[in-house]
PDB file of all heavy atoms in Angstrom:
ATOM      1  N   LEU A   1       0.829  -1.209   0.000  1.00  0.00           N
ATOM      2  CA  LEU A   1       0.000   0.000   0.000  1.00  0.00           C
ATOM      3  C   LEU A   1       0.863   1.258   0.000  1.00  0.00           C
ATOM      4  O   LEU A   1       0.565   2.239  -0.695  1.00  0.00           O
ATOM      5  CB  LEU A   1      -0.923   0.004   1.223  1.00  0.00           C
ATOM      6  CG  LEU A   1      -2.057  -1.027   1.215  1.00  0.00           C
ATOM      7  CD1 LEU A   1      -2.748  -1.061   2.570  1.00  0.00           C
ATOM      8  CD2 LEU A   1      -3.067  -0.714   0.124  1.00  0.00           C
ATOM      9  N   ASN A   2       1.939   1.213   0.784  1.00  0.00           N
ATOM     10  CA  ASN A   2       2.848   2.351   0.850  1.00  0.00           C
ATOM     11  C   ASN A   2       3.490   2.610  -0.517  1.00  0.00           C
ATOM     12  O   ASN A   2       3.642   3.763  -0.942  1.00  0.00           O
ATOM     13  CB  ASN A   2       3.929   2.069   1.900  1.00  0.00           C
ATOM     14  CG  ASN A   2       4.612   3.321   2.402  1.00  0.00           C
ATOM     15  OD1 ASN A   2       4.067   4.412   2.297  1.00  0.00           O
ATOM     16  ND2 ASN A   2       5.800   3.166   2.945  1.00  0.00           N
ATOM     17  N   ALA A   3       3.835   1.528  -1.222  1.00  0.00           N
ATOM     18  CA  ALA A   3       4.442   1.662  -2.556  1.00  0.00           C
ATOM     19  C   ALA A   3       3.479   2.320  -3.535  1.00  0.00           C
ATOM     20  O   ALA A   3       3.862   3.195  -4.325  1.00  0.00           O
ATOM     21  CB  ALA A   3       4.873   0.289  -3.067  1.00  0.00           C
ATOM     22  N   ILE A   4       2.220   1.918  -3.482  1.00  0.00           N
ATOM     23  CA  ILE A   4       1.222   2.475  -4.401  1.00  0.00           C
ATOM     24  C   ILE A   4       0.977   3.945  -4.090  1.00  0.00           C
ATOM     25  O   ILE A   4       0.873   4.786  -4.987  1.00  0.00           O
ATOM     26  CB  ILE A   4      -0.078   1.652  -4.332  1.00  0.00           C
ATOM     27  CG1 ILE A   4       0.171   0.271  -4.957  1.00  0.00           C
ATOM     28  CG2 ILE A   4      -1.218   2.365  -5.054  1.00  0.00           C
ATOM     29  CD1 ILE A   4      -0.933  -0.710  -4.740  1.00  0.00           C
ATOM     30  N   SER A   5       0.912   4.277  -2.791  1.00  0.00           N
ATOM     31  CA  SER A   5       0.676   5.674  -2.413  1.00  0.00           C
ATOM     32  C   SER A   5       1.835   6.577  -2.841  1.00  0.00           C
ATOM     33  O   SER A   5       1.648   7.759  -3.093  1.00  0.00           O
ATOM     34  CB  SER A   5       0.457   5.786  -0.902  1.00  0.00           C
ATOM     35  OG  SER A   5       1.666   5.596  -0.193  1.00  0.00           O
ATOM     36  N   LYS A   6       3.033   6.020  -2.943  1.00  0.00           N
ATOM     37  CA  LYS A   6       4.207   6.799  -3.367  1.00  0.00           C
ATOM     38  C   LYS A   6       4.410   6.755  -4.881  1.00  0.00           C
ATOM     39  O   LYS A   6       5.413   7.245  -5.383  1.00  0.00           O
ATOM     40  CB  LYS A   6       5.459   6.262  -2.674  1.00  0.00           C
ATOM     41  CG  LYS A   6       5.539   6.584  -1.187  1.00  0.00           C
ATOM     42  CD  LYS A   6       6.795   5.969  -0.582  1.00  0.00           C
ATOM     43  CE  LYS A   6       6.917   6.315   0.887  1.00  0.00           C
ATOM     44  NZ  LYS A   6       7.195   7.718   1.120  1.00  0.00           N
ATOM     45  N   ARG A   7       3.488   6.125  -5.612  1.00  0.00           N
ATOM     46  CA  ARG A   7       3.561   6.010  -7.070  1.00  0.00           C
ATOM     47  C   ARG A   7       4.768   5.197  -7.519  1.00  0.00           C
ATOM     48  O   ARG A   7       5.362   5.459  -8.557  1.00  0.00           O
ATOM     49  CB  ARG A   7       3.627   7.399  -7.733  1.00  0.00           C
ATOM     50  CG  ARG A   7       2.500   8.337  -7.395  1.00  0.00           C
ATOM     51  CD  ARG A   7       2.717   9.744  -7.952  1.00  0.00           C
ATOM     52  NE  ARG A   7       3.856  10.394  -7.324  1.00  0.00           N
ATOM     53  CZ  ARG A   7       5.024  10.556  -7.904  1.00  0.00           C
ATOM     54  NH1 ARG A   7       5.246  10.114  -9.127  1.00  0.00           N
ATOM     55  NH2 ARG A   7       6.019  11.162  -7.271  1.00  0.00           N
ATOM     56  N   ALA A   8       5.146   4.200  -6.740  1.00  0.00           N
ATOM     57  CA  ALA A   8       6.291   3.357  -7.105  1.00  0.00           C
ATOM     58  C   ALA A   8       5.924   2.442  -8.265  1.00  0.00           C
ATOM     59  O   ALA A   8       4.772   2.022  -8.407  1.00  0.00           O
ATOM     60  CB  ALA A   8       6.736   2.525  -5.902  1.00  0.00           C
ATOM     61  N   SER A   9       6.912   2.114  -9.089  1.00  0.00           N
ATOM     62  CA  SER A   9       6.689   1.168 -10.190  1.00  0.00           C
ATOM     63  C   SER A   9       7.172  -0.233  -9.823  1.00  0.00           C
ATOM     64  O   SER A   9       6.731  -1.215 -10.413  1.00  0.00           O
ATOM     65  CB  SER A   9       7.402   1.643 -11.464  1.00  0.00           C
ATOM     66  OG  SER A   9       8.800   1.744 -11.230  1.00  0.00           O
ATOM     67  N   ASP A  10       8.102  -0.321  -8.857  1.00  0.00           N
ATOM     68  CA  ASP A  10       8.656  -1.607  -8.448  1.00  0.00           C
ATOM     69  C   ASP A  10       8.928  -1.598  -6.946  1.00  0.00           C
ATOM     70  O   ASP A  10       9.281  -0.564  -6.373  1.00  0.00           O
ATOM     71  CB  ASP A  10       9.974  -1.910  -9.176  1.00  0.00           C
ATOM     72  CG  ASP A  10       9.828  -1.940 -10.684  1.00  0.00           C
ATOM     73  OD1 ASP A  10       9.892  -0.861 -11.309  1.00  0.00           O
ATOM     74  OD2 ASP A  10       9.633  -3.032 -11.222  1.00  0.00           O
ATOM     75  N   ILE A  11       8.798  -2.793  -6.339  1.00  0.00           N
ATOM     76  CA  ILE A  11       9.177  -3.005  -4.947  1.00  0.00           C
ATOM     77  C   ILE A  11      10.305  -4.025  -4.928  1.00  0.00           C
ATOM     78  O   ILE A  11      10.152  -5.125  -5.470  1.00  0.00           O
ATOM     79  CB  ILE A  11       7.996  -3.529  -4.102  1.00  0.00           C
ATOM     80  CG1 ILE A  11       6.792  -2.581  -4.184  1.00  0.00           C
ATOM     81  CG2 ILE A  11       8.418  -3.740  -2.642  1.00  0.00           C
ATOM     82  CD1 ILE A  11       5.521  -3.154  -3.570  1.00  0.00           C
ATOM     83  N   HIS A  12      11.433  -3.679  -4.330  1.00  0.00           N
ATOM     84  CA  HIS A  12      12.564  -4.601  -4.200  1.00  0.00           C
ATOM     85  C   HIS A  12      12.678  -5.047  -2.745  1.00  0.00           C
ATOM     86  O   HIS A  12      12.801  -4.196  -1.854  1.00  0.00           O
ATOM     87  CB  HIS A  12      13.875  -3.917  -4.616  1.00  0.00           C
ATOM     88  CG  HIS A  12      13.984  -3.642  -6.075  1.00  0.00           C
ATOM     89  ND1 HIS A  12      15.001  -4.153  -6.850  1.00  0.00           N
ATOM     90  CD2 HIS A  12      13.204  -2.926  -6.916  1.00  0.00           C
ATOM     91  CE1 HIS A  12      14.843  -3.745  -8.100  1.00  0.00           C
ATOM     92  NE2 HIS A  12      13.756  -2.995  -8.163  1.00  0.00           N
ATOM     93  N   ILE A  13      12.650  -6.360  -2.517  1.00  0.00           N
ATOM     94  CA  ILE A  13      12.851  -6.914  -1.173  1.00  0.00           C
ATOM     95  C   ILE A  13      14.128  -7.742  -1.231  1.00  0.00           C
ATOM     96  O   ILE A  13      14.180  -8.790  -1.883  1.00  0.00           O
ATOM     97  CB  ILE A  13      11.641  -7.754  -0.733  1.00  0.00           C
ATOM     98  CG1 ILE A  13      10.396  -6.858  -0.683  1.00  0.00           C
ATOM     99  CG2 ILE A  13      11.892  -8.399   0.630  1.00  0.00           C
ATOM    100  CD1 ILE A  13       9.107  -7.594  -0.435  1.00  0.00           C
ATOM    101  N   GLU A  14      15.200  -7.247  -0.568  1.00  0.00           N
ATOM    102  CA  GLU A  14      16.543  -7.773  -0.769  1.00  0.00           C
ATOM    103  C   GLU A  14      17.134  -8.302   0.539  1.00  0.00           C
ATOM    104  O   GLU A  14      17.398  -7.517   1.463  1.00  0.00           O
ATOM    105  CB  GLU A  14      17.443  -6.669  -1.328  1.00  0.00           C
ATOM    106  CG  GLU A  14      16.897  -6.067  -2.621  1.00  0.00           C
ATOM    107  CD  GLU A  14      17.554  -4.748  -3.006  1.00  0.00           C
ATOM    108  OE1 GLU A  14      17.764  -3.902  -2.130  1.00  0.00           O
ATOM    109  OE2 GLU A  14      17.857  -4.587  -4.197  1.00  0.00           O
ATOM    110  N   PRO A  15      17.358  -9.626   0.637  1.00  0.00           N
ATOM    111  CA  PRO A  15      17.927 -10.193   1.866  1.00  0.00           C
ATOM    112  C   PRO A  15      19.455 -10.088   1.880  1.00  0.00           C
ATOM    113  O   PRO A  15      20.118 -10.313   0.868  1.00  0.00           O
ATOM    114  CB  PRO A  15      17.490 -11.657   1.780  1.00  0.00           C
ATOM    115  CG  PRO A  15      17.417 -11.947   0.318  1.00  0.00           C
ATOM    116  CD  PRO A  15      16.999 -10.655  -0.347  1.00  0.00           C
ATOM    117  N   PHE A  16      19.993  -9.722   3.038  1.00  0.00           N
ATOM    118  CA  PHE A  16      21.435  -9.720   3.234  1.00  0.00           C
ATOM    119  C   PHE A  16      21.759 -10.457   4.531  1.00  0.00           C
ATOM    120  O   PHE A  16      20.877 -11.029   5.173  1.00  0.00           O
ATOM    121  CB  PHE A  16      21.974  -8.288   3.218  1.00  0.00           C
ATOM    122  CG  PHE A  16      21.941  -7.673   1.845  1.00  0.00           C
ATOM    123  CD1 PHE A  16      20.871  -6.886   1.443  1.00  0.00           C
ATOM    124  CD2 PHE A  16      22.953  -7.918   0.945  1.00  0.00           C
ATOM    125  CE1 PHE A  16      20.815  -6.353   0.157  1.00  0.00           C
ATOM    126  CE2 PHE A  16      22.926  -7.390  -0.335  1.00  0.00           C
ATOM    127  CZ  PHE A  16      21.854  -6.607  -0.732  1.00  0.00           C
ATOM    128  N   GLU A  17      22.989 -10.437   4.928  1.00  0.00           N
ATOM    129  CA  GLU A  17      23.435 -11.294   6.034  1.00  0.00           C
ATOM    130  C   GLU A  17      22.684 -11.026   7.338  1.00  0.00           C
ATOM    131  O   GLU A  17      22.258 -11.948   8.023  1.00  0.00           O
ATOM    132  CB  GLU A  17      24.940 -11.116   6.258  1.00  0.00           C
ATOM    133  CG  GLU A  17      25.522 -12.124   7.238  1.00  0.00           C
ATOM    134  CD  GLU A  17      27.040 -12.070   7.269  1.00  0.00           C
ATOM    135  OE1 GLU A  17      27.627 -11.151   6.678  1.00  0.00           O
ATOM    136  OE2 GLU A  17      27.629 -12.975   7.876  1.00  0.00           O
ATOM    137  N   ASP A  18      22.491  -9.747   7.669  1.00  0.00           N
ATOM    138  CA  ASP A  18      21.878  -9.455   8.972  1.00  0.00           C
ATOM    139  C   ASP A  18      20.619  -8.597   8.884  1.00  0.00           C
ATOM    140  O   ASP A  18      20.130  -8.090   9.888  1.00  0.00           O
ATOM    141  CB  ASP A  18      22.888  -8.754   9.885  1.00  0.00           C
ATOM    142  CG  ASP A  18      23.478  -7.509   9.225  1.00  0.00           C
ATOM    143  OD1 ASP A  18      23.069  -7.198   8.079  1.00  0.00           O
ATOM    144  OD2 ASP A  18      24.331  -6.859   9.842  1.00  0.00           O
ATOM    145  N   SER A  19      20.069  -8.416   7.682  1.00  0.00           N
ATOM    146  CA  SER A  19      18.848  -7.612   7.536  1.00  0.00           C
ATOM    147  C   SER A  19      18.214  -7.837   6.164  1.00  0.00           C
ATOM    148  O   SER A  19      18.806  -8.482   5.292  1.00  0.00           O
ATOM    149  CB  SER A  19      19.166  -6.114   7.730  1.00  0.00           C
ATOM    150  OG  SER A  19      20.171  -5.725   6.822  1.00  0.00           O
ATOM    151  N   VAL A  20      17.020  -7.286   6.007  1.00  0.00           N
ATOM    152  CA  VAL A  20      16.307  -7.328   4.727  1.00  0.00           C
ATOM    153  C   VAL A  20      15.965  -5.880   4.361  1.00  0.00           C
ATOM    154  O   VAL A  20      15.340  -5.164   5.155  1.00  0.00           O
ATOM    155  CB  VAL A  20      15.008  -8.159   4.819  1.00  0.00           C
ATOM    156  CG1 VAL A  20      14.276  -8.149   3.476  1.00  0.00           C
ATOM    157  CG2 VAL A  20      15.306  -9.582   5.253  1.00  0.00           C
ATOM    158  N   TYR A  21      16.383  -5.450   3.167  1.00  0.00           N
ATOM    159  CA  TYR A  21      16.131  -4.079   2.743  1.00  0.00           C
ATOM    160  C   TYR A  21      14.920  -4.036   1.812  1.00  0.00           C
ATOM    161  O   TYR A  21      14.758  -4.899   0.948  1.00  0.00           O
ATOM    162  CB  TYR A  21      17.348  -3.498   2.013  1.00  0.00           C
ATOM    163  CG  TYR A  21      18.558  -3.329   2.912  1.00  0.00           C
ATOM    164  CD1 TYR A  21      19.618  -4.221   2.855  1.00  0.00           C
ATOM    165  CD2 TYR A  21      18.630  -2.281   3.821  1.00  0.00           C
ATOM    166  CE1 TYR A  21      20.725  -4.083   3.674  1.00  0.00           C
ATOM    167  CE2 TYR A  21      19.726  -2.136   4.651  1.00  0.00           C
ATOM    168  CZ  TYR A  21      20.776  -3.031   4.579  1.00  0.00           C
ATOM    169  OH  TYR A  21      21.853  -2.889   5.404  1.00  0.00           O
ATOM    170  N   VAL A  22      14.095  -3.003   2.002  1.00  0.00           N
ATOM    171  CA  VAL A  22      12.956  -2.759   1.109  1.00  0.00           C
ATOM    172  C   VAL A  22      13.222  -1.445   0.388  1.00  0.00           C
ATOM    173  O   VAL A  22      13.476  -0.408   1.018  1.00  0.00           O
ATOM    174  CB  VAL A  22      11.629  -2.674   1.895  1.00  0.00           C
ATOM    175  CG1 VAL A  22      10.472  -2.377   0.941  1.00  0.00           C
ATOM    176  CG2 VAL A  22      11.368  -3.974   2.649  1.00  0.00           C
ATOM    177  N   ARG A  23      13.193  -1.499  -0.940  1.00  0.00           N
ATOM    178  CA  ARG A  23      13.401  -0.296  -1.747  1.00  0.00           C
ATOM    179  C   ARG A  23      12.262  -0.150  -2.748  1.00  0.00           C
ATOM    180  O   ARG A  23      11.719  -1.145  -3.230  1.00  0.00           O
ATOM    181  CB  ARG A  23      14.735  -0.353  -2.501  1.00  0.00           C
ATOM    182  CG  ARG A  23      15.951  -0.389  -1.590  1.00  0.00           C
ATOM    183  CD  ARG A  23      17.233  -0.067  -2.349  1.00  0.00           C
ATOM    184  NE  ARG A  23      17.634  -1.136  -3.248  1.00  0.00           N
ATOM    185  CZ  ARG A  23      18.630  -1.038  -4.126  1.00  0.00           C
ATOM    186  NH1 ARG A  23      19.304   0.090  -4.239  1.00  0.00           N
ATOM    187  NH2 ARG A  23      18.969  -2.062  -4.883  1.00  0.00           N
ATOM    188  N   TYR A  24      11.906   1.097  -3.050  1.00  0.00           N
ATOM    189  CA  TYR A  24      10.897   1.394  -4.068  1.00  0.00           C
ATOM    190  C   TYR A  24      11.571   2.113  -5.240  1.00  0.00           C
ATOM    191  O   TYR A  24      12.420   2.980  -5.024  1.00  0.00           O
ATOM    192  CB  TYR A  24       9.802   2.329  -3.537  1.00  0.00           C
ATOM    193  CG  TYR A  24       8.947   1.791  -2.415  1.00  0.00           C
ATOM    194  CD1 TYR A  24       8.216   2.665  -1.606  1.00  0.00           C
ATOM    195  CD2 TYR A  24       8.831   0.425  -2.172  1.00  0.00           C
ATOM    196  CE1 TYR A  24       7.415   2.207  -0.577  1.00  0.00           C
ATOM    197  CE2 TYR A  24       8.035  -0.055  -1.147  1.00  0.00           C
ATOM    198  CZ  TYR A  24       7.329   0.844  -0.343  1.00  0.00           C
ATOM    199  OH  TYR A  24       6.534   0.385   0.672  1.00  0.00           O
ATOM    200  N   ARG A  25      11.153   1.757  -6.455  1.00  0.00           N
ATOM    201  CA  ARG A  25      11.583   2.542  -7.619  1.00  0.00           C
ATOM    202  C   ARG A  25      10.479   3.554  -7.915  1.00  0.00           C
ATOM    203  O   ARG A  25       9.363   3.187  -8.296  1.00  0.00           O
ATOM    204  CB  ARG A  25      11.820   1.648  -8.836  1.00  0.00           C
ATOM    205  CG  ARG A  25      12.461   2.423 -10.003  1.00  0.00           C
ATOM    206  CD  ARG A  25      12.794   1.522 -11.180  1.00  0.00           C
ATOM    207  NE  ARG A  25      13.823   0.552 -10.880  1.00  0.00           N
ATOM    208  CZ  ARG A  25      15.124   0.808 -10.890  1.00  0.00           C
ATOM    209  NH1 ARG A  25      15.558   2.027 -11.149  1.00  0.00           N
ATOM    210  NH2 ARG A  25      15.993  -0.145 -10.618  1.00  0.00           N
ATOM    211  N   ILE A  26      10.805   4.831  -7.727  1.00  0.00           N
ATOM    212  CA  ILE A  26       9.842   5.918  -7.946  1.00  0.00           C
ATOM    213  C   ILE A  26      10.377   6.822  -9.041  1.00  0.00           C
ATOM    214  O   ILE A  26      11.507   7.322  -8.949  1.00  0.00           O
ATOM    215  CB  ILE A  26       9.621   6.728  -6.641  1.00  0.00           C
ATOM    216  CG1 ILE A  26       9.136   5.803  -5.517  1.00  0.00           C
ATOM    217  CG2 ILE A  26       8.625   7.859  -6.867  1.00  0.00           C
ATOM    218  CD1 ILE A  26       9.112   6.451  -4.152  1.00  0.00           C
ATOM    219  N   ASP A  27       9.585   6.991 -10.092  1.00  0.00           N
ATOM    220  CA  ASP A  27      10.013   7.801 -11.244  1.00  0.00           C
ATOM    221  C   ASP A  27      11.368   7.353 -11.773  1.00  0.00           C
ATOM    222  O   ASP A  27      12.233   8.161 -12.127  1.00  0.00           O
ATOM    223  CB  ASP A  27      10.048   9.283 -10.886  1.00  0.00           C
ATOM    224  CG  ASP A  27       8.662   9.849 -10.592  1.00  0.00           C
ATOM    225  OD1 ASP A  27       7.686   9.300 -11.127  1.00  0.00           O
ATOM    226  OD2 ASP A  27       8.562  10.814  -9.818  1.00  0.00           O
ATOM    227  N   GLY A  28      11.587   6.023 -11.768  1.00  0.00           N
ATOM    228  CA  GLY A  28      12.785   5.452 -12.367  1.00  0.00           C
ATOM    229  C   GLY A  28      13.995   5.371 -11.466  1.00  0.00           C
ATOM    230  O   GLY A  28      15.032   4.848 -11.879  1.00  0.00           O
ATOM    231  N   VAL A  29      13.896   5.866 -10.228  1.00  0.00           N
ATOM    232  CA  VAL A  29      15.048   5.884  -9.315  1.00  0.00           C
ATOM    233  C   VAL A  29      14.716   5.098  -8.055  1.00  0.00           C
ATOM    234  O   VAL A  29      13.629   5.255  -7.488  1.00  0.00           O
ATOM    235  CB  VAL A  29      15.441   7.333  -8.946  1.00  0.00           C
ATOM    236  CG1 VAL A  29      16.591   7.343  -7.968  1.00  0.00           C
ATOM    237  CG2 VAL A  29      15.801   8.125 -10.207  1.00  0.00           C
ATOM    238  N   LEU A  30      15.652   4.239  -7.590  1.00  0.00           N
ATOM    239  CA  LEU A  30      15.428   3.445  -6.380  1.00  0.00           C
ATOM    240  C   LEU A  30      15.664   4.280  -5.125  1.00  0.00           C
ATOM    241  O   LEU A  30      16.611   5.057  -5.054  1.00  0.00           O
ATOM    242  CB  LEU A  30      16.350   2.220  -6.371  1.00  0.00           C
ATOM    243  CG  LEU A  30      15.901   1.019  -7.214  1.00  0.00           C
ATOM    244  CD1 LEU A  30      17.021   0.008  -7.321  1.00  0.00           C
ATOM    245  CD2 LEU A  30      14.649   0.372  -6.627  1.00  0.00           C
ATOM    246  N   HIS A  31      14.783   4.071  -4.121  1.00  0.00           N
ATOM    247  CA  HIS A  31      14.894   4.774  -2.844  1.00  0.00           C
ATOM    248  C   HIS A  31      14.830   3.751  -1.708  1.00  0.00           C
ATOM    249  O   HIS A  31      13.968   2.874  -1.702  1.00  0.00           O
ATOM    250  CB  HIS A  31      13.744   5.773  -2.670  1.00  0.00           C
ATOM    251  CG  HIS A  31      13.706   6.855  -3.697  1.00  0.00           C
ATOM    252  ND1 HIS A  31      14.343   8.061  -3.541  1.00  0.00           N
ATOM    253  CD2 HIS A  31      13.124   6.901  -4.928  1.00  0.00           C
ATOM    254  CE1 HIS A  31      14.141   8.821  -4.611  1.00  0.00           C
ATOM    255  NE2 HIS A  31      13.408   8.131  -5.471  1.00  0.00           N
ATOM    256  N   ASP A  32      15.727   3.879  -0.729  1.00  0.00           N
ATOM    257  CA  ASP A  32      15.643   3.053   0.481  1.00  0.00           C
ATOM    258  C   ASP A  32      14.402   3.447   1.263  1.00  0.00           C
ATOM    259  O   ASP A  32      14.161   4.631   1.518  1.00  0.00           O
ATOM    260  CB  ASP A  32      16.878   3.264   1.364  1.00  0.00           C
ATOM    261  CG  ASP A  32      18.118   2.607   0.778  1.00  0.00           C
ATOM    262  OD1 ASP A  32      17.966   1.599   0.073  1.00  0.00           O
ATOM    263  OD2 ASP A  32      19.230   3.108   1.019  1.00  0.00           O
ATOM    264  N   ILE A  33      13.622   2.453   1.693  1.00  0.00           N
ATOM    265  CA  ILE A  33      12.378   2.725   2.407  1.00  0.00           C
ATOM    266  C   ILE A  33      12.384   2.144   3.817  1.00  0.00           C
ATOM    267  O   ILE A  33      12.013   2.799   4.778  1.00  0.00           O
ATOM    268  CB  ILE A  33      11.162   2.164   1.622  1.00  0.00           C
ATOM    269  CG1 ILE A  33      11.053   2.833   0.246  1.00  0.00           C
ATOM    270  CG2 ILE A  33       9.869   2.336   2.413  1.00  0.00           C
ATOM    271  CD1 ILE A  33      10.774   4.325   0.288  1.00  0.00           C
ATOM    272  N   LEU A  34      12.860   0.903   3.941  1.00  0.00           N
ATOM    273  CA  LEU A  34      12.675   0.190   5.196  1.00  0.00           C
ATOM    274  C   LEU A  34      13.770  -0.854   5.371  1.00  0.00           C
ATOM    275  O   LEU A  34      14.222  -1.456   4.395  1.00  0.00           O
ATOM    276  CB  LEU A  34      11.298  -0.503   5.151  1.00  0.00           C
ATOM    277  CG  LEU A  34      10.699  -1.083   6.420  1.00  0.00           C
ATOM    278  CD1 LEU A  34      10.439  -0.027   7.460  1.00  0.00           C
ATOM    279  CD2 LEU A  34       9.398  -1.814   6.078  1.00  0.00           C
ATOM    280  N   THR A  35      14.201  -1.071   6.608  1.00  0.00           N
ATOM    281  CA  THR A  35      15.127  -2.160   6.925  1.00  0.00           C
ATOM    282  C   THR A  35      14.443  -3.090   7.912  1.00  0.00           C
ATOM    283  O   THR A  35      13.991  -2.652   8.979  1.00  0.00           O
ATOM    284  CB  THR A  35      16.435  -1.622   7.539  1.00  0.00           C
ATOM    285  OG1 THR A  35      17.029  -0.693   6.630  1.00  0.00           O
ATOM    286  CG2 THR A  35      17.410  -2.762   7.790  1.00  0.00           C
ATOM    287  N   LEU A  36      14.338  -4.361   7.548  1.00  0.00           N
ATOM    288  CA  LEU A  36      13.657  -5.361   8.381  1.00  0.00           C
ATOM    289  C   LEU A  36      14.693  -6.291   9.010  1.00  0.00           C
ATOM    290  O   LEU A  36      15.759  -6.522   8.436  1.00  0.00           O
ATOM    291  CB  LEU A  36      12.676  -6.183   7.535  1.00  0.00           C
ATOM    292  CG  LEU A  36      11.606  -5.397   6.778  1.00  0.00           C
ATOM    293  CD1 LEU A  36      10.819  -6.332   5.865  1.00  0.00           C
ATOM    294  CD2 LEU A  36      10.663  -4.699   7.736  1.00  0.00           C
ATOM    295  N   PRO A  37      14.383  -6.863  10.173  1.00  0.00           N
ATOM    296  CA  PRO A  37      15.317  -7.818  10.782  1.00  0.00           C
ATOM    297  C   PRO A  37      15.473  -9.082   9.956  1.00  0.00           C
ATOM    298  O   PRO A  37      14.524  -9.523   9.287  1.00  0.00           O
ATOM    299  CB  PRO A  37      14.677  -8.133  12.149  1.00  0.00           C
ATOM    300  CG  PRO A  37      13.332  -7.541  12.136  1.00  0.00           C
ATOM    301  CD  PRO A  37      13.198  -6.599  10.998  1.00  0.00           C
ATOM    302  N   GLU A  38      16.656  -9.657   9.989  1.00  0.00           N
ATOM    303  CA  GLU A  38      16.980 -10.848   9.186  1.00  0.00           C
ATOM    304  C   GLU A  38      16.044 -12.007   9.466  1.00  0.00           C
ATOM    305  O   GLU A  38      15.706 -12.780   8.564  1.00  0.00           O
ATOM    306  CB  GLU A  38      18.439 -11.234   9.464  1.00  0.00           C
ATOM    307  CG  GLU A  38      18.974 -12.386   8.615  1.00  0.00           C
ATOM    308  CD  GLU A  38      18.656 -13.751   9.229  1.00  0.00           C
ATOM    309  OE1 GLU A  38      18.394 -13.807  10.445  1.00  0.00           O
ATOM    310  OE2 GLU A  38      18.644 -14.741   8.465  1.00  0.00           O
ATOM    311  N   LYS A  39      15.569 -12.130  10.710  1.00  0.00           N
ATOM    312  CA  LYS A  39      14.742 -13.281  11.086  1.00  0.00           C
ATOM    313  C   LYS A  39      13.392 -13.303  10.353  1.00  0.00           C
ATOM    314  O   LYS A  39      12.721 -14.328  10.322  1.00  0.00           O
ATOM    315  CB  LYS A  39      14.509 -13.296  12.599  1.00  0.00           C
ATOM    316  CG  LYS A  39      13.663 -12.139  13.131  1.00  0.00           C
ATOM    317  CD  LYS A  39      13.466 -12.243  14.638  1.00  0.00           C
ATOM    318  CE  LYS A  39      12.532 -13.395  14.976  1.00  0.00           C
ATOM    319  NZ  LYS A  39      12.229 -13.446  16.420  1.00  0.00           N
ATOM    320  N   LEU A  40      13.008 -12.174   9.709  1.00  0.00           N
ATOM    321  CA  LEU A  40      11.718 -12.127   9.020  1.00  0.00           C
ATOM    322  C   LEU A  40      11.788 -12.635   7.583  1.00  0.00           C
ATOM    323  O   LEU A  40      10.759 -12.865   6.960  1.00  0.00           O
ATOM    324  CB  LEU A  40      11.179 -10.694   8.994  1.00  0.00           C
ATOM    325  CG  LEU A  40      10.796 -10.039  10.319  1.00  0.00           C
ATOM    326  CD1 LEU A  40      10.138  -8.702  10.061  1.00  0.00           C
ATOM    327  CD2 LEU A  40       9.872 -10.934  11.120  1.00  0.00           C
ATOM    328  N   LYS A  41      13.017 -12.789   7.053  1.00  0.00           N
ATOM    329  CA  LYS A  41      13.108 -12.956   5.597  1.00  0.00           C
ATOM    330  C   LYS A  41      12.427 -14.223   5.087  1.00  0.00           C
ATOM    331  O   LYS A  41      11.790 -14.204   4.039  1.00  0.00           O
ATOM    332  CB  LYS A  41      14.551 -12.865   5.119  1.00  0.00           C
ATOM    333  CG  LYS A  41      15.490 -13.958   5.553  1.00  0.00           C
ATOM    334  CD  LYS A  41      16.903 -13.640   5.050  1.00  0.00           C
ATOM    335  CE  LYS A  41      17.903 -14.665   5.507  1.00  0.00           C
ATOM    336  NZ  LYS A  41      19.287 -14.286   5.147  1.00  0.00           N
ATOM    337  N   ARG A  42      12.540 -15.353   5.816  1.00  0.00           N
ATOM    338  CA  ARG A  42      11.915 -16.586   5.332  1.00  0.00           C
ATOM    339  C   ARG A  42      10.397 -16.465   5.278  1.00  0.00           C
ATOM    340  O   ARG A  42       9.754 -16.833   4.303  1.00  0.00           O
ATOM    341  CB  ARG A  42      12.329 -17.768   6.213  1.00  0.00           C
ATOM    342  CG  ARG A  42      13.744 -18.251   5.994  1.00  0.00           C
ATOM    343  CD  ARG A  42      13.918 -19.649   6.565  1.00  0.00           C
ATOM    344  NE  ARG A  42      15.259 -20.152   6.359  1.00  0.00           N
ATOM    345  CZ  ARG A  42      16.229 -20.091   7.255  1.00  0.00           C
ATOM    346  NH1 ARG A  42      15.994 -19.512   8.425  1.00  0.00           N
ATOM    347  NH2 ARG A  42      17.422 -20.577   6.989  1.00  0.00           N
ATOM    348  N   ASN A  43       9.820 -15.994   6.371  1.00  0.00           N
ATOM    349  CA  ASN A  43       8.364 -15.884   6.409  1.00  0.00           C
ATOM    350  C   ASN A  43       7.841 -14.795   5.478  1.00  0.00           C
ATOM    351  O   ASN A  43       6.764 -14.917   4.898  1.00  0.00           O
ATOM    352  CB  ASN A  43       7.892 -15.621   7.838  1.00  0.00           C
ATOM    353  CG  ASN A  43       7.960 -16.880   8.696  1.00  0.00           C
ATOM    354  OD1 ASN A  43       8.071 -17.987   8.181  1.00  0.00           O
ATOM    355  ND2 ASN A  43       7.917 -16.713  10.002  1.00  0.00           N
TER     356      ASN A  43
END
């Protein structure tokens, strides 16, 4: 919902060693939005 309200065209959910990053592509450019704890990535 947050992505749609920001007019994003893509949502990137990217897992790394100790966290999960959420980025939105808005008007062709990626923006960092949220950092989630690593333990959430599987679920």
